[in-house]
């Protein structure tokens, strides 16, 4: 099998330094000034903001609930809350390279086969020959396992 074509090394090096400008800028706005050397003091406001942002992120249930979401300024402060709100609003749009049709197809495939695939791949010894018949590339089976579910000799779970 021929490996896929690769990008020139120069462009790969550039990509290693290019992270997430929207996310990086948002975090910089939320944290504010950071010491040039070392870490902020244990009681610095940056630590409270990090804890509050983590708490807020933990409350998010789905993308649809974020359509009109605004960060509360009670703990974050007005500037940090605005930074997080701006991030959520700007991140609603897909990047230009994203293909909505491929995303929809991947979502459909996951909803149809994701649980079966996960249960097969993450099981300690993949004891289900039926699973492996349904998704033959989902896990590596010993050569001694039969290809038919009725005669499979899969190892038993402990």
Foldseek 3Di string as FASTA:
>chain_A
DDDDDDDDPVVVVVVVPDDPVLVVVLLCQQQDDADPDDGDDPPDLSVQSVVLVVVVVVPDDDLVVLCPDFFDCPSSHDRSRVSVNVSSNVVNDDPPVDDVVVVVVVVVCCVVCVVLLCVQQVPPFSQQLVSCLVVVPSDDHPPPADNDRVPGDGDDDD
